[in-house]
C-alpha atoms as a PDB file:
ATOM      1  CA  MET A   1     153.624  84.611  87.223  1.00  0.00           C
ATOM      2  CA  THR A   2     156.868  82.694  87.709  1.00  0.00           C
ATOM      3  CA  ILE A   3     159.772  84.372  89.513  1.00  0.00           C
ATOM      4  CA  ASP A   4     163.379  83.382  90.135  1.00  0.00           C
ATOM      5  CA  ARG A   5     163.480  82.637  93.864  1.00  0.00           C
ATOM      6  CA  LYS A   6     167.253  82.225  93.784  1.00  0.00           C
ATOM      7  CA  ASP A   7     168.076  85.814  92.842  1.00  0.00           C
ATOM      8  CA  PRO A   8     168.465  88.392  95.667  1.00  0.00           C
ATOM      9  CA  LYS A   9     167.855  91.194  93.143  1.00  0.00           C
ATOM     10  CA  ILE A  10     164.389  89.813  92.376  1.00  0.00           C
ATOM     11  CA  ALA A  11     163.672  89.736  96.126  1.00  0.00           C
ATOM     12  CA  GLU A  12     164.943  93.302  96.448  1.00  0.00           C
ATOM     13  CA  GLY A  13     162.648  94.472  93.692  1.00  0.00           C
ATOM     14  CA  ILE A  14     159.540  92.792  95.068  1.00  0.00           C
ATOM     15  CA  LEU A  15     160.124  93.820  98.697  1.00  0.00           C
ATOM     16  CA  GLY A  16     160.957  97.342  97.567  1.00  0.00           C
ATOM     17  CA  ARG A  17     157.584  97.547  95.865  1.00  0.00           C
ATOM     18  CA  LEU A  18     155.718  96.077  98.834  1.00  0.00           C
ATOM     19  CA  CYS A  19     157.528  98.217 101.407  1.00  0.00           C
ATOM     20  CA  PRO A  20     159.084 101.302  99.728  1.00  0.00           C
ATOM     21  CA  ASP A  21     160.566 102.703 102.958  1.00  0.00           C
ATOM     22  CA  LEU A  22     164.070 101.182 103.332  1.00  0.00           C
ATOM     23  CA  ASN A  23     164.159 101.596 107.122  1.00  0.00           C
ATOM     24  CA  ALA A  24     160.798  99.826 107.532  1.00  0.00           C
ATOM     25  CA  ARG A  25     162.003  97.083 105.191  1.00  0.00           C
ATOM     26  CA  ARG A  26     165.089  96.584 107.379  1.00  0.00           C
ATOM     27  CA  TYR A  27     162.852  96.177 110.428  1.00  0.00           C
ATOM     28  CA  TRP A  28     160.820  93.479 108.671  1.00  0.00           C
ATOM     29  CA  ALA A  29     164.061  91.730 107.726  1.00  0.00           C
ATOM     30  CA  GLN A  30     165.195  91.819 111.367  1.00  0.00           C
ATOM     31  CA  TYR A  31     161.878  90.388 112.574  1.00  0.00           C
ATOM     32  CA  ALA A  32     162.098  87.599 109.995  1.00  0.00           C
ATOM     33  CA  LEU A  33     165.716  86.740 110.848  1.00  0.00           C
ATOM     34  CA  GLN A  34     165.047  86.823 114.585  1.00  0.00           C
ATOM     35  CA  SER A  35     162.213  84.328 114.062  1.00  0.00           C
ATOM     36  CA  ILE A  36     164.427  82.148 111.862  1.00  0.00           C
ATOM     37  CA  ASP A  37     167.248  82.187 114.449  1.00  0.00           C
ATOM     38  CA  ILE A  38     164.892  81.017 117.179  1.00  0.00           C
ATOM     39  CA  ALA A  39     163.439  78.303 114.931  1.00  0.00           C
ATOM     40  CA  ARG A  40     166.945  77.160 113.943  1.00  0.00           C
ATOM     41  CA  SER A  41     168.039  76.990 117.575  1.00  0.00           C
ATOM     42  CA  ILE A  42     165.376  74.289 118.004  1.00  0.00           C
ATOM     43  CA  SER A  43     165.745  72.538 114.638  1.00  0.00           C
ATOM     44  CA  GLN A  44     167.853  73.623 111.669  1.00  0.00           C
ATOM     45  CA  ASP A  45     165.259  72.322 109.206  1.00  0.00           C
ATOM     46  CA  SER A  46     162.113  73.662 110.874  1.00  0.00           C
ATOM     47  CA  TRP A  47     161.694  76.764 108.710  1.00  0.00           C
ATOM     48  CA  GLU A  48     161.537  78.103 105.174  1.00  0.00           C
ATOM     49  CA  ILE A  49     160.855  81.509 103.700  1.00  0.00           C
ATOM     50  CA  THR A  50     159.074  81.971 100.377  1.00  0.00           C
ATOM     51  CA  LEU A  51     158.960  84.841  97.902  1.00  0.00           C
ATOM     52  CA  PHE A  52     155.818  85.361  95.806  1.00  0.00           C
ATOM     53  CA  PRO A  53     155.195  87.932  93.079  1.00  0.00           C
ATOM     54  CA  GLU A  54     152.804  89.666  95.471  1.00  0.00           C
ATOM     55  CA  GLY A  55     154.416  89.027  98.858  1.00  0.00           C
ATOM     56  CA  ALA A  56     156.603  86.969 101.163  1.00  0.00           C
ATOM     57  CA  ARG A  57     155.900  84.416 103.901  1.00  0.00           C
ATOM     58  CA  LEU A  58     157.922  82.745 106.650  1.00  0.00           C
ATOM     59  CA  ASN A  59     156.770  79.281 107.729  1.00  0.00           C
ATOM     60  CA  VAL A  60     157.999  77.468 110.818  1.00  0.00           C
ATOM     61  CA  GLY A  61     157.031  73.810 110.911  1.00  0.00           C
ATOM     62  CA  GLN A  62     153.493  73.713 109.532  1.00  0.00           C
ATOM     63  CA  VAL A  63     152.680  77.243 110.646  1.00  0.00           C
ATOM     64  CA  ALA A  64     152.795  80.575 108.783  1.00  0.00           C
ATOM     65  CA  VAL A  65     154.302  83.007 111.276  1.00  0.00           C
ATOM     66  CA  LEU A  66     155.199  86.190 109.350  1.00  0.00           C
ATOM     67  CA  GLU A  67     154.148  87.763 106.057  1.00  0.00           C
ATOM     68  CA  LEU A  68     154.712  90.872 103.972  1.00  0.00           C
ATOM     69  CA  TRP A  69     152.103  92.012 101.457  1.00  0.00           C
ATOM     70  CA  GLN A  70     151.402  95.286  99.658  1.00  0.00           C
ATOM     71  CA  ASP A  71     151.638  98.082 102.248  1.00  0.00           C
ATOM     72  CA  LYS A  72     151.114  95.731 105.236  1.00  0.00           C
ATOM     73  CA  ALA A  73     152.860  93.050 107.267  1.00  0.00           C
ATOM     74  CA  ALA A  74     151.200  90.197 109.147  1.00  0.00           C
ATOM     75  CA  PHE A  75     152.434  88.775 112.452  1.00  0.00           C
ATOM     76  CA  TYR A  76     150.929  85.496 113.640  1.00  0.00           C
ATOM     77  CA  CYS A  77     150.860  85.357 117.434  1.00  0.00           C
ATOM     78  CA  CYS A  78     149.757  83.187 120.315  1.00  0.00           C
ATOM     79  CA  ALA A  79     146.560  84.669 121.718  1.00  0.00           C
ATOM     80  CA  PRO A  80     145.795  86.752 123.601  1.00  0.00           C
ATOM     81  CA  VAL A  81     148.136  89.625 122.763  1.00  0.00           C
ATOM     82  CA  PRO A  82     147.960  92.444 125.350  1.00  0.00           C
ATOM     83  CA  VAL A  83     147.836  95.163 122.696  1.00  0.00           C
ATOM     84  CA  LYS A  84     144.944  97.386 121.603  1.00  0.00           C
ATOM     85  CA  PRO A  85     144.128  97.532 117.874  1.00  0.00           C
ATOM     86  CA  SER A  86     144.545 100.919 116.196  1.00  0.00           C
ATOM     87  CA  GLU A  87     144.347 102.487 112.745  1.00  0.00           C
ATOM     88  CA  GLU A  88     147.768 101.089 111.852  1.00  0.00           C
ATOM     89  CA  LEU A  89     147.498  97.816 113.817  1.00  0.00           C
ATOM     90  CA  ARG A  90     144.524  95.521 113.181  1.00  0.00           C
ATOM     91  CA  LYS A  91     143.691  92.069 114.525  1.00  0.00           C
ATOM     92  CA  GLN A  92     142.139  89.180 112.624  1.00  0.00           C
ATOM     93  CA  LYS A  93     140.711  86.554 114.954  1.00  0.00           C
ATOM     94  CA  GLY A  94     139.883  82.943 114.386  1.00  0.00           C
ATOM     95  CA  PHE A  95     143.193  81.448 113.383  1.00  0.00           C
ATOM     96  CA  GLY A  96     144.059  78.117 114.890  1.00  0.00           C
ATOM     97  CA  TYR A  97     146.746  75.559 114.140  1.00  0.00           C
ATOM     98  CA  ARG A  98     146.451  71.983 115.273  1.00  0.00           C
ATOM     99  CA  ALA A  99     150.242  71.781 115.307  1.00  0.00           C
ATOM    100  CA  VAL A 100     150.590  74.212 118.214  1.00  0.00           C
ATOM    101  CA  LYS A 101     147.245  73.433 119.897  1.00  0.00           C
ATOM    102  CA  LEU A 102     146.777  77.039 120.953  1.00  0.00           C
ATOM    103  CA  LYS A 103     144.532  79.834 119.782  1.00  0.00           C
ATOM    104  CA  THR A 104     146.382  82.193 117.470  1.00  0.00           C
ATOM    105  CA  ASP A 105     145.594  85.601 115.994  1.00  0.00           C
ATOM    106  CA  ARG A 106     146.953  87.367 112.931  1.00  0.00           C
ATOM    107  CA  TRP A 107     147.854  91.011 113.373  1.00  0.00           C
ATOM    108  CA  PHE A 108     148.203  93.336 110.372  1.00  0.00           C
ATOM    109  CA  ILE A 109     150.406  96.410 110.653  1.00  0.00           C
ATOM    110  CA  ASP A 110     150.967  99.126 108.075  1.00  0.00           C
ATOM    111  CA  VAL A 111     154.484  98.870 106.641  1.00  0.00           C
ATOM    112  CA  ASN A 112     155.180 102.467 107.658  1.00  0.00           C
ATOM    113  CA  ALA A 113     154.618 101.426 111.290  1.00  0.00           C
ATOM    114  CA  LEU A 114     157.079  98.493 111.254  1.00  0.00           C
ATOM    115  CA  THR A 115     159.578 100.587 113.195  1.00  0.00           C
ATOM    116  CA  ARG A 116     157.210 100.695 116.176  1.00  0.00           C
ATOM    117  CA  VAL A 117     155.656  97.243 116.518  1.00  0.00           C
ATOM    118  CA  PRO A 118     154.608  96.864 120.198  1.00  0.00           C
ATOM    119  CA  PRO A 119     157.048  94.605 122.131  1.00  0.00           C
ATOM    120  CA  PRO A 120     154.226  92.458 123.631  1.00  0.00           C
ATOM    121  CA  LEU A 121     153.122  91.576 120.081  1.00  0.00           C
ATOM    122  CA  ILE A 122     156.678  90.511 119.187  1.00  0.00           C
ATOM    123  CA  GLU A 123     156.888  88.413 122.343  1.00  0.00           C
ATOM    124  CA  LYS A 124     153.675  86.569 121.456  1.00  0.00           C
ATOM    125  CA  HIS A 125     154.878  86.175 117.880  1.00  0.00           C
ATOM    126  CA  LEU A 126     158.178  84.592 118.999  1.00  0.00           C
ATOM    127  CA  GLU A 127     156.274  82.364 121.414  1.00  0.00           C
ATOM    128  CA  LEU A 128     154.378  80.974 118.404  1.00  0.00           C
ATOM    129  CA  VAL A 129     157.650  80.506 116.493  1.00  0.00           C
ATOM    130  CA  ARG A 130     159.124  78.467 119.328  1.00  0.00           C
ATOM    131  CA  LEU A 131     155.998  76.326 119.672  1.00  0.00           C
ATOM    132  CA  ALA A 132     155.782  75.723 115.924  1.00  0.00           C
ATOM    133  CA  ALA A 133     159.447  74.668 115.670  1.00  0.00           C
ATOM    134  CA  ASN A 134     159.053  72.250 118.553  1.00  0.00           C
ATOM    135  CA  ALA A 135     155.837  70.830 117.082  1.00  0.00           C
ATOM    136  CA  LYS A 136     157.365  69.951 113.701  1.00  0.00           C
ATOM    137  CA  LYS A 137     161.124  70.027 113.357  1.00  0.00           C
ATOM    138  CA  ILE A 138     161.224  69.532 109.597  1.00  0.00           C
ATOM    139  CA  SER A 139     159.253  72.024 107.514  1.00  0.00           C
ATOM    140  CA  PRO A 140     157.047  70.411 104.840  1.00  0.00           C
ATOM    141  CA  PHE A 141     157.496  73.488 102.623  1.00  0.00           C
ATOM    142  CA  HIS A 142     161.197  73.290 101.764  1.00  0.00           C
ATOM    143  CA  ALA A 143     160.472  72.971  98.041  1.00  0.00           C
ATOM    144  CA  ALA A 144     159.188  76.553  98.101  1.00  0.00           C
ATOM    145  CA  HIS A 145     162.183  78.002  99.975  1.00  0.00           C
ATOM    146  CA  SER A 146     163.580  81.195  98.380  1.00  0.00           C
ATOM    147  CA  PRO A 147     167.350  81.431  98.931  1.00  0.00           C
ATOM    148  CA  GLY A 148     167.518  84.775  97.158  1.00  0.00           C
ATOM    149  CA  LEU A 149     165.037  86.280  99.613  1.00  0.00           C
ATOM    150  CA  PHE A 150     166.983  84.965 102.599  1.00  0.00           C
ATOM    151  CA  ALA A 151     170.238  86.384 101.197  1.00  0.00           C
ATOM    152  CA  TYR A 152     168.597  89.776 100.645  1.00  0.00           C
ATOM    153  CA  LEU A 153     167.192  89.831 104.193  1.00  0.00           C
ATOM    154  CA  GLU A 154     170.667  89.133 105.621  1.00  0.00           C
ATOM    155  CA  GLU A 155     172.079  92.017 103.588  1.00  0.00           C
ATOM    156  CA  LEU A 156     169.269  94.318 104.680  1.00  0.00           C
ATOM    157  CA  ALA A 157     169.842  93.481 108.330  1.00  0.00           C
ATOM    158  CA  GLY A 158     173.618  93.887 108.037  1.00  0.00           C
ATOM    159  CA  ARG A 159     174.321  90.222 108.723  1.00  0.00           C
ATOM    160  CA  ALA A 160     176.110  89.498 105.456  1.00  0.00           C
ATOM    161  CA  GLN A 161     179.171  91.101 103.944  1.00  0.00           C
ATOM    162  CA  LYS A 162     179.105  91.960 100.257  1.00  0.00           C
ATOM    163  CA  GLY A 163     179.001  88.713  98.263  1.00  0.00           C
ATOM    164  CA  GLU A 164     178.345  86.606 101.369  1.00  0.00           C
ATOM    165  CA  HIS A 165     175.128  84.570 101.505  1.00  0.00           C
ATOM    166  CA  HIS A 166     173.589  81.729 103.445  1.00  0.00           C
ATOM    167  CA  LEU A 167     174.486  78.144 102.624  1.00  0.00           C
ATOM    168  CA  LEU A 168     171.476  76.044 101.755  1.00  0.00           C
ATOM    169  CA  ALA A 169     173.039  72.597 101.994  1.00  0.00           C
ATOM    170  CA  ASP A 170     175.868  72.034 104.439  1.00  0.00           C
ATOM    171  CA  GLU A 171     176.843  68.392 104.574  1.00  0.00           C
ATOM    172  CA  VAL A 172     180.422  68.195 105.824  1.00  0.00           C
ATOM    173  CA  ALA A 173     182.527  65.501 107.395  1.00  0.00           C
ATOM    174  CA  PRO A 174     182.157  65.398 111.206  1.00  0.00           C
ATOM    175  CA  GLY A 175     184.751  67.567 112.921  1.00  0.00           C
ATOM    176  CA  ARG A 176     185.847  69.276 109.672  1.00  0.00           C
ATOM    177  CA  TYR A 177     184.442  72.705 108.911  1.00  0.00           C
ATOM    178  CA  TYR A 178     185.327  74.560 105.704  1.00  0.00           C
ATOM    179  CA  GLU A 179     184.111  78.032 104.933  1.00  0.00           C
ATOM    180  CA  GLY A 180     184.775  80.611 102.282  1.00  0.00           C
ATOM    181  CA  ALA A 181     184.703  78.452  99.155  1.00  0.00           C
ATOM    182  CA  VAL A 182     182.529  80.111  96.512  1.00  0.00           C
ATOM    183  CA  HIS A 183     180.312  77.472  94.960  1.00  0.00           C
ATOM    184  CA  SER A 184     176.826  77.051  93.542  1.00  0.00           C
ATOM    185  CA  VAL A 185     174.069  75.589  95.712  1.00  0.00           C
ATOM    186  CA  MET A 186     170.963  77.062  94.065  1.00  0.00           C
ATOM    187  CA  VAL A 187     172.733  80.415  94.541  1.00  0.00           C
ATOM    188  CA  ASN A 188     176.406  81.317  94.687  1.00  0.00           C
ATOM    189  CA  ALA A 189     177.346  81.278  98.362  1.00  0.00           C
ATOM    190  CA  TYR A 190     180.164  81.417 100.814  1.00  0.00           C
ATOM    191  CA  GLU A 191     179.912  78.327 102.950  1.00  0.00           C
ATOM    192  CA  ARG A 192     178.265  78.937 106.349  1.00  0.00           C
ATOM    193  CA  ASP A 193     178.338  75.689 108.288  1.00  0.00           C
ATOM    194  CA  ARG A 194     175.579  75.228 110.850  1.00  0.00           C
ATOM    195  CA  GLU A 195     177.495  72.656 112.856  1.00  0.00           C
ATOM    196  CA  ALA A 196     180.326  75.147 113.299  1.00  0.00           C
ATOM    197  CA  ARG A 197     177.809  77.657 114.674  1.00  0.00           C
ATOM    198  CA  ARG A 198     176.425  75.027 117.052  1.00  0.00           C
ATOM    199  CA  CYS A 199     179.909  74.143 118.302  1.00  0.00           C
ATOM    200  CA  CYS A 200     180.730  77.813 118.910  1.00  0.00           C
ATOM    201  CA  ILE A 201     177.575  78.395 120.980  1.00  0.00           C
ATOM    202  CA  GLN A 202     178.001  75.126 122.845  1.00  0.00           C
ATOM    203  CA  HIS A 203     181.528  76.156 123.867  1.00  0.00           C
ATOM    204  CA  TYR A 204     181.029  79.855 124.702  1.00  0.00           C
ATOM    205  CA  GLY A 205     177.327  79.749 125.619  1.00  0.00           C
ATOM    206  CA  PRO A 206     174.516  81.911 124.164  1.00  0.00           C
ATOM    207  CA  LYS A 207     175.946  85.106 125.713  1.00  0.00           C
ATOM    208  CA  CYS A 208     177.422  88.048 123.834  1.00  0.00           C
ATOM    209  CA  VAL A 209     181.193  88.109 124.342  1.00  0.00           C
ATOM    210  CA  VAL A 210     181.179  91.886 123.814  1.00  0.00           C
ATOM    211  CA  CYS A 211     178.532  93.178 126.215  1.00  0.00           C
ATOM    212  CA  GLY A 212     177.506  90.047 128.153  1.00  0.00           C
ATOM    213  CA  MET A 213     173.898  90.118 126.854  1.00  0.00           C
ATOM    214  CA  ASP A 214     171.975  86.870 127.486  1.00  0.00           C
ATOM    215  CA  PHE A 215     168.591  86.922 125.745  1.00  0.00           C
ATOM    216  CA  GLY A 216     167.141  84.164 127.915  1.00  0.00           C
ATOM    217  CA  THR A 217     167.970  86.109 131.078  1.00  0.00           C
ATOM    218  CA  VAL A 218     166.571  89.382 129.758  1.00  0.00           C
ATOM    219  CA  TYR A 219     163.485  88.199 127.848  1.00  0.00           C
ATOM    220  CA  GLY A 220     162.776  84.831 129.408  1.00  0.00           C
ATOM    221  CA  ALA A 221     162.172  81.425 127.844  1.00  0.00           C
ATOM    222  CA  VAL A 222     160.857  82.821 124.555  1.00  0.00           C
ATOM    223  CA  ALA A 223     164.393  84.034 123.638  1.00  0.00           C
ATOM    224  CA  ASP A 224     166.461  81.441 125.466  1.00  0.00           C
ATOM    225  CA  GLY A 225     169.447  80.405 123.356  1.00  0.00           C
ATOM    226  CA  PHE A 226     169.061  83.198 120.776  1.00  0.00           C
ATOM    227  CA  ILE A 227     172.366  84.760 119.681  1.00  0.00           C
ATOM    228  CA  HIS A 228     174.268  85.741 116.544  1.00  0.00           C
ATOM    229  CA  VAL A 229     177.630  84.166 115.637  1.00  0.00           C
ATOM    230  CA  HIS A 230     180.384  86.458 114.360  1.00  0.00           C
ATOM    231  CA  HIS A 231     183.309  85.445 112.119  1.00  0.00           C
ATOM    232  CA  LEU A 232     186.459  87.102 113.427  1.00  0.00           C
ATOM    233  CA  LYS A 233     187.656  87.423 109.827  1.00  0.00           C
ATOM    234  CA  ALA A 234     185.045  88.252 107.178  1.00  0.00           C
ATOM    235  CA  LEU A 235     184.653  85.471 104.624  1.00  0.00           C
ATOM    236  CA  SER A 236     184.564  88.022 101.825  1.00  0.00           C
ATOM    237  CA  GLU A 237     188.158  88.945 102.725  1.00  0.00           C
ATOM    238  CA  ILE A 238     189.365  85.357 102.396  1.00  0.00           C
ATOM    239  CA  GLY A 239     188.023  84.291  99.015  1.00  0.00           C
ATOM    240  CA  ALA A 240     189.422  80.759  99.153  1.00  0.00           C
ATOM    241  CA  GLU A 241     188.528  77.618 101.018  1.00  0.00           C
ATOM    242  CA  TYR A 242     190.075  77.325 104.462  1.00  0.00           C
ATOM    243  CA  ARG A 243     189.842  75.099 107.491  1.00  0.00           C
ATOM    244  CA  LEU A 244     187.529  76.623 110.094  1.00  0.00           C
ATOM    245  CA  ASP A 245     188.044  76.158 113.817  1.00  0.00           C
ATOM    246  CA  PRO A 246     184.681  77.068 115.424  1.00  0.00           C
ATOM    247  CA  LEU A 247     186.304  77.924 118.762  1.00  0.00           C
ATOM    248  CA  ALA A 248     189.128  80.049 117.323  1.00  0.00           C
ATOM    249  CA  ASP A 249     187.304  81.691 114.424  1.00  0.00           C
ATOM    250  CA  LEU A 250     183.781  82.294 115.744  1.00  0.00           C
ATOM    251  CA  ARG A 251     182.290  84.193 118.679  1.00  0.00           C
ATOM    252  CA  PRO A 252     178.666  84.589 119.911  1.00  0.00           C
ATOM    253  CA  VAL A 253     177.559  88.214 119.814  1.00  0.00           C
ATOM    254  CA  CYS A 254     174.206  89.969 120.293  1.00  0.00           C
ATOM    255  CA  PRO A 255     172.590  91.660 117.248  1.00  0.00           C
ATOM    256  CA  ASN A 256     173.426  95.155 118.546  1.00  0.00           C
ATOM    257  CA  CYS A 257     177.123  94.457 119.020  1.00  0.00           C
ATOM    258  CA  HIS A 258     177.204  92.533 115.744  1.00  0.00           C
ATOM    259  CA  ALA A 259     175.773  95.577 113.925  1.00  0.00           C
ATOM    260  CA  VAL A 260     178.422  97.868 115.488  1.00  0.00           C
ATOM    261  CA  ILE A 261     181.209  95.425 114.572  1.00  0.00           C
ATOM    262  CA  HIS A 262     180.233  95.778 110.905  1.00  0.00           C
ATOM    263  CA  LEU A 263     178.906  99.356 111.004  1.00  0.00           C
ATOM    264  CA  GLY A 264     179.983 101.362 107.970  1.00  0.00           C
ATOM    265  CA  GLY A 265     181.055  98.308 105.992  1.00  0.00           C
ATOM    266  CA  GLN A 266     184.123  97.532 108.101  1.00  0.00           C
ATOM    267  CA  THR A 267     184.954  94.751 110.536  1.00  0.00           C
ATOM    268  CA  ARG A 268     185.946  95.985 114.002  1.00  0.00           C
ATOM    269  CA  SER A 269     187.543  93.770 116.608  1.00  0.00           C
ATOM    270  CA  ILE A 270     185.605  92.583 119.634  1.00  0.00           C
ATOM    271  CA  GLU A 271     188.039  94.447 121.884  1.00  0.00           C
ATOM    272  CA  GLU A 272     187.448  97.665 119.944  1.00  0.00           C
ATOM    273  CA  VAL A 273     183.682  97.443 120.389  1.00  0.00           C
ATOM    274  CA  ARG A 274     184.121  96.637 124.104  1.00  0.00           C
ATOM    275  CA  LYS A 275     186.111  99.864 124.428  1.00  0.00           C
ATOM    276  CA  PHE A 276     183.191 101.763 122.881  1.00  0.00           C
ATOM    277  CA  LEU A 277     180.995 100.423 125.698  1.00  0.00           C
ATOM    278  CA  GLU A 278     183.605 101.296 128.311  1.00  0.00           C
ATOM    279  CA  SER A 279     183.905 104.849 126.977  1.00  0.00           C
ATOM    280  CA  THR A 280     180.160 105.400 127.511  1.00  0.00           C
ATOM    281  CA  GLY A 281     180.120 103.691 130.922  1.00  0.00           C
ATOM    282  CA  ARG A 282     177.904 100.870 129.648  1.00  0.00           C
ATOM    283  CA  ALA A 283     180.383  97.988 129.804  1.00  0.00           C
ATOM    284  CA  ASN A 284     179.256  94.959 131.776  1.00  0.00           C
ATOM    285  CA  ASN A 285     181.991  94.621 134.383  1.00  0.00           C
ATOM    286  CA  GLY A 286     180.842  91.103 135.222  1.00  0.00           C
ATOM    287  CA  MET A 287     181.160  89.717 131.711  1.00  0.00           C
ATOM    288  CA  GLN A 288     183.768  87.164 130.895  1.00  0.00           C
ATOM    289  CA  ARG A 289     186.380  88.346 128.454  1.00  0.00           C
ATOM    290  CA  THR A 290     187.250  85.841 125.814  1.00  0.00           C
ATOM    291  CA  ALA A 291     190.867  85.680 124.707  1.00  0.00           C
ATOM    292  CA  PHE A 292     191.576  85.360 121.014  1.00  0.00           C
ATOM    293  CA  ARG A 293     193.319  82.188 119.940  1.00  0.00           C
ATOM    294  CA  ARG A 294     195.658  82.935 117.063  1.00  0.00           C
ATOM    295  CA  ARG A 295     196.683  80.513 114.389  1.00  0.00           C
END
């Protein structure tokens, strides 16, 4: 059966059938995007995600790392994983990839249990992602990449505004970053330039400018450098090509703060979300406050 891998609606239909519970589906999307972010922090071209009529798979380098099939998800992990199998969590031994030169296991979890995947399993999964991206920095499976699936996962996880999708090809002149132009690159997309993201993180560091969260400090080497990048003005509100300044227009934020910024379909300011933290006594008094540079 042939499917249109460019269409987010096709991805929505297939994933909805595989994982009917919307909340569980959102969790799988978050796991997939977290893995992709870590792979991209090592090499932009190290990953691809593929939609099949009967499932979905994320590959990093030469390694399958995450899957979704009918009523179950599969996490590939570096072995051993300090977790006991159960009725909803089963281990399949005997996987090994020459690319990472480590023993790996595949763990199956019922889709209804995706909201409670044990943290040690996620840590071992992300360890495999990092090793796989370092082992082969250009995925050999790009021809099977499904841009519609990636766009749907970003929408599920709250990382894309309505009509805003990931750019698949982003060749731009050095030092010139343009975003917001609607164009067709396998799918209609608002430009999201990877070099602009890199420049933002290089300048501000991989620390959330709202709460001060540093994933490397909290989780160790497996999450070092992981962070989201927030557009101060949503691209969907612009609708025309404009010149992007990565330092003025972008800020690194953690996934939690990023979700609150866009909670309810609106775009809150960084200062507004900081005040939420201050009102609950959870603000990080030691964090550096980043001043906005206005045009």
